C-alpha atoms as a PDB file:
ATOM      1  CA  MET A   1    -170.150   0.733  29.854  1.00  0.00           C
ATOM      2  CA  TYR A   2    -170.010   2.825  26.400  1.00  0.00           C
ATOM      3  CA  TRP A   3    -171.226   6.368  26.183  1.00  0.00           C
ATOM      4  CA  TYR A   4    -172.515   7.479  23.001  1.00  0.00           C
ATOM      5  CA  ARG A   5    -170.249  10.492  21.803  1.00  0.00           C
ATOM      6  CA  ASP A   6    -173.334  12.677  20.990  1.00  0.00           C
ATOM      7  CA  LEU A   7    -175.194  11.697  24.089  1.00  0.00           C
ATOM      8  CA  TYR A   8    -179.085  12.605  23.953  1.00  0.00           C
ATOM      9  CA  PHE A   9    -180.069  14.760  26.945  1.00  0.00           C
ATOM     10  CA  ASP A  10    -181.961  17.989  27.584  1.00  0.00           C
ATOM     11  CA  LYS A  11    -179.590  20.797  28.485  1.00  0.00           C
ATOM     12  CA  LYS A  12    -182.331  22.603  30.020  1.00  0.00           C
ATOM     13  CA  TYR A  13    -182.580  20.058  32.863  1.00  0.00           C
ATOM     14  CA  ILE A  14    -179.241  18.290  33.084  1.00  0.00           C
ATOM     15  CA  HIS A  15    -176.119  20.243  33.968  1.00  0.00           C
ATOM     16  CA  HIS A  16    -172.502  19.121  34.431  1.00  0.00           C
ATOM     17  CA  ILE A  17    -172.997  16.122  32.171  1.00  0.00           C
ATOM     18  CA  ASN A  18    -169.232  14.757  32.644  1.00  0.00           C
ATOM     19  CA  ARG A  19    -169.447  14.915  36.304  1.00  0.00           C
ATOM     20  CA  LEU A  20    -172.742  13.014  36.153  1.00  0.00           C
ATOM     21  CA  LYS A  21    -171.191  10.413  33.755  1.00  0.00           C
ATOM     22  CA  TYR A  22    -168.266   9.924  36.154  1.00  0.00           C
ATOM     23  CA  LYS A  23    -170.545   9.442  39.170  1.00  0.00           C
ATOM     24  CA  ILE A  24    -172.730   6.902  37.369  1.00  0.00           C
ATOM     25  CA  GLU A  25    -169.704   5.055  36.192  1.00  0.00           C
ATOM     26  CA  HIS A  26    -168.411   4.726  39.631  1.00  0.00           C
ATOM     27  CA  GLY A  27    -171.579   3.491  41.289  1.00  0.00           C
ATOM     28  CA  LYS A  28    -172.675   6.882  42.786  1.00  0.00           C
ATOM     29  CA  ALA A  29    -175.836   7.193  40.864  1.00  0.00           C
ATOM     30  CA  HIS A  30    -178.367   9.993  41.190  1.00  0.00           C
ATOM     31  CA  LYS A  31    -181.844   9.197  42.113  1.00  0.00           C
ATOM     32  CA  GLY A  32    -184.290  10.157  39.474  1.00  0.00           C
ATOM     33  CA  VAL A  33    -181.740   9.893  36.558  1.00  0.00           C
ATOM     34  CA  TYR A  34    -182.691   7.640  33.958  1.00  0.00           C
ATOM     35  CA  LEU A  35    -180.336   6.230  31.238  1.00  0.00           C
ATOM     36  CA  ILE A  36    -181.321   5.256  27.670  1.00  0.00           C
ATOM     37  CA  ASN A  37    -179.679   2.065  26.670  1.00  0.00           C
ATOM     38  CA  LEU A  38    -179.317   0.533  23.152  1.00  0.00           C
ATOM     39  CA  PRO A  39    -179.770  -3.046  23.839  1.00  0.00           C
ATOM     40  CA  LYS A  40    -178.024  -5.829  22.015  1.00  0.00           C
ATOM     41  CA  ARG A  41    -181.027  -8.046  21.814  1.00  0.00           C
ATOM     42  CA  GLU A  42    -182.454  -8.417  18.391  1.00  0.00           C
ATOM     43  CA  GLY A  43    -185.907  -6.674  18.085  1.00  0.00           C
ATOM     44  CA  ALA A  44    -185.519  -4.318  21.060  1.00  0.00           C
ATOM     45  CA  LEU A  45    -185.383  -0.654  20.137  1.00  0.00           C
ATOM     46  CA  LEU A  46    -184.255   1.092  23.347  1.00  0.00           C
ATOM     47  CA  GLU A  47    -184.256   0.384  27.068  1.00  0.00           C
ATOM     48  CA  LEU A  48    -184.592   2.732  29.980  1.00  0.00           C
ATOM     49  CA  ILE A  49    -182.647   1.944  33.078  1.00  0.00           C
ATOM     50  CA  PRO A  50    -182.814   3.853  36.568  1.00  0.00           C
ATOM     51  CA  SER A  51    -179.248   4.931  37.201  1.00  0.00           C
ATOM     52  CA  ILE A  52    -179.667   3.882  40.692  1.00  0.00           C
ATOM     53  CA  LEU A  53    -179.904   0.313  39.481  1.00  0.00           C
ATOM     54  CA  LEU A  54    -176.273   0.587  38.474  1.00  0.00           C
ATOM     55  CA  GLN A  55    -175.240   0.777  42.264  1.00  0.00           C
ATOM     56  CA  GLN A  56    -175.734  -3.056  42.360  1.00  0.00           C
ATOM     57  CA  SER A  57    -172.389  -4.878  42.214  1.00  0.00           C
ATOM     58  CA  ARG A  58    -173.888  -7.599  39.859  1.00  0.00           C
ATOM     59  CA  TYR A  59    -175.495  -5.302  37.354  1.00  0.00           C
ATOM     60  CA  PRO A  60    -173.789  -6.006  34.006  1.00  0.00           C
ATOM     61  CA  ARG A  61    -172.359  -2.542  33.121  1.00  0.00           C
ATOM     62  CA  GLU A  62    -169.886  -3.694  30.646  1.00  0.00           C
ATOM     63  CA  SER A  63    -172.672  -4.539  28.172  1.00  0.00           C
ATOM     64  CA  LEU A  64    -174.368  -1.027  28.329  1.00  0.00           C
ATOM     65  CA  CYS A  65    -174.357   1.333  25.402  1.00  0.00           C
ATOM     66  CA  ILE A  66    -175.708   4.571  26.951  1.00  0.00           C
ATOM     67  CA  ILE A  67    -177.196   6.944  24.163  1.00  0.00           C
ATOM     68  CA  GLY A  68    -179.346   9.274  26.221  1.00  0.00           C
ATOM     69  CA  MET A  69    -180.054  10.563  29.702  1.00  0.00           C
ATOM     70  CA  GLY A  70    -183.123  11.916  31.416  1.00  0.00           C
ATOM     71  CA  LYS A  71    -183.671  13.911  34.753  1.00  0.00           C
ATOM     72  CA  SER A  72    -186.911  12.104  35.161  1.00  0.00           C
ATOM     73  CA  ARG A  73    -188.548   9.040  33.935  1.00  0.00           C
ATOM     74  CA  GLY A  74    -191.057  11.063  31.841  1.00  0.00           C
ATOM     75  CA  GLN A  75    -188.298  13.154  30.462  1.00  0.00           C
ATOM     76  CA  ALA A  76    -186.428  10.011  29.556  1.00  0.00           C
ATOM     77  CA  LEU A  77    -189.329   8.376  27.843  1.00  0.00           C
ATOM     78  CA  GLU A  78    -189.979  11.540  25.748  1.00  0.00           C
ATOM     79  CA  LEU A  79    -186.358  11.653  24.637  1.00  0.00           C
ATOM     80  CA  MET A  80    -186.761   7.875  23.653  1.00  0.00           C
ATOM     81  CA  ARG A  81    -189.846   8.863  21.580  1.00  0.00           C
ATOM     82  CA  GLN A  82    -188.005  11.704  19.808  1.00  0.00           C
ATOM     83  CA  ILE A  83    -184.910   9.362  18.992  1.00  0.00           C
ATOM     84  CA  ILE A  84    -187.306   6.691  17.514  1.00  0.00           C
ATOM     85  CA  ASP A  85    -189.244   9.245  15.562  1.00  0.00           C
ATOM     86  CA  THR A  86    -186.021  10.863  14.160  1.00  0.00           C
ATOM     87  CA  VAL A  87    -184.677   7.465  13.177  1.00  0.00           C
ATOM     88  CA  TYR A  88    -187.988   6.415  11.375  1.00  0.00           C
ATOM     89  CA  HIS A  89    -188.390   9.615   9.585  1.00  0.00           C
ATOM     90  CA  GLU A  90    -184.661   9.676   8.349  1.00  0.00           C
ATOM     91  CA  GLN A  91    -184.304   5.898   7.397  1.00  0.00           C
ATOM     92  CA  GLY A  92    -187.758   4.578   7.324  1.00  0.00           C
ATOM     93  CA  ASN A  93    -187.082   1.816   9.749  1.00  0.00           C
ATOM     94  CA  PHE A  94    -186.322   1.494  13.359  1.00  0.00           C
ATOM     95  CA  ASP A  95    -182.518   0.538  13.116  1.00  0.00           C
ATOM     96  CA  ILE A  96    -181.197   2.844  15.671  1.00  0.00           C
ATOM     97  CA  ALA A  97    -177.735   1.392  15.916  1.00  0.00           C
ATOM     98  CA  SER A  98    -177.001   1.909  12.175  1.00  0.00           C
ATOM     99  CA  TYR A  99    -178.565   5.462  12.424  1.00  0.00           C
ATOM    100  CA  LEU A 100    -176.153   6.410  15.357  1.00  0.00           C
ATOM    101  CA  GLN A 101    -173.411   4.486  13.547  1.00  0.00           C
ATOM    102  CA  ILE A 102    -172.724   2.163  16.366  1.00  0.00           C
ATOM    103  CA  GLU A 103    -171.439  -1.139  15.916  1.00  0.00           C
ATOM    104  CA  GLN A 104    -173.311  -3.905  17.741  1.00  0.00           C
ATOM    105  CA  LYS A 105    -171.183  -6.697  18.896  1.00  0.00           C
ATOM    106  CA  PRO A 106    -172.804  -9.789  20.321  1.00  0.00           C
ATOM    107  CA  ILE A 107    -172.441 -10.395  23.998  1.00  0.00           C
ATOM    108  CA  PRO A 108    -170.106 -13.325  24.855  1.00  0.00           C
ATOM    109  CA  GLY A 109    -172.146 -16.421  25.918  1.00  0.00           C
ATOM    110  CA  GLU A 110    -175.220 -15.141  24.396  1.00  0.00           C
ATOM    111  CA  GLU A 111    -174.748 -16.767  20.928  1.00  0.00           C
ATOM    112  CA  VAL A 112    -177.981 -18.398  19.607  1.00  0.00           C
ATOM    113  CA  MET A 113    -177.472 -21.925  18.392  1.00  0.00           C
ATOM    114  CA  GLN A 114    -179.389 -22.585  15.123  1.00  0.00           C
ATOM    115  CA  THR A 115    -180.505 -26.008  14.307  1.00  0.00           C
END
């Protein structure tokens, strides 16, 4: 799991961010906390993941690139909208990874064969 260095979150609603990140990384997620993931799939902008989902042992945590966190689903969706709006107004496109300067590496085993 990779945490973006300038994590997007609302300081008014989320306190003790480092403690919360530690708990999420170790499978002690908080009910109601949603994570904003930068997916590696081509054409996908952002992905919303309930943190409680990460308690499942088979969930692929290694491939997650968390760029934001919301205390509720509504707050996380609003944060996603703000991120997408900012990227579009600054760059004129929806390439969030390049705007955040995150290198997207392909997931092993998910290479697409071209004919």
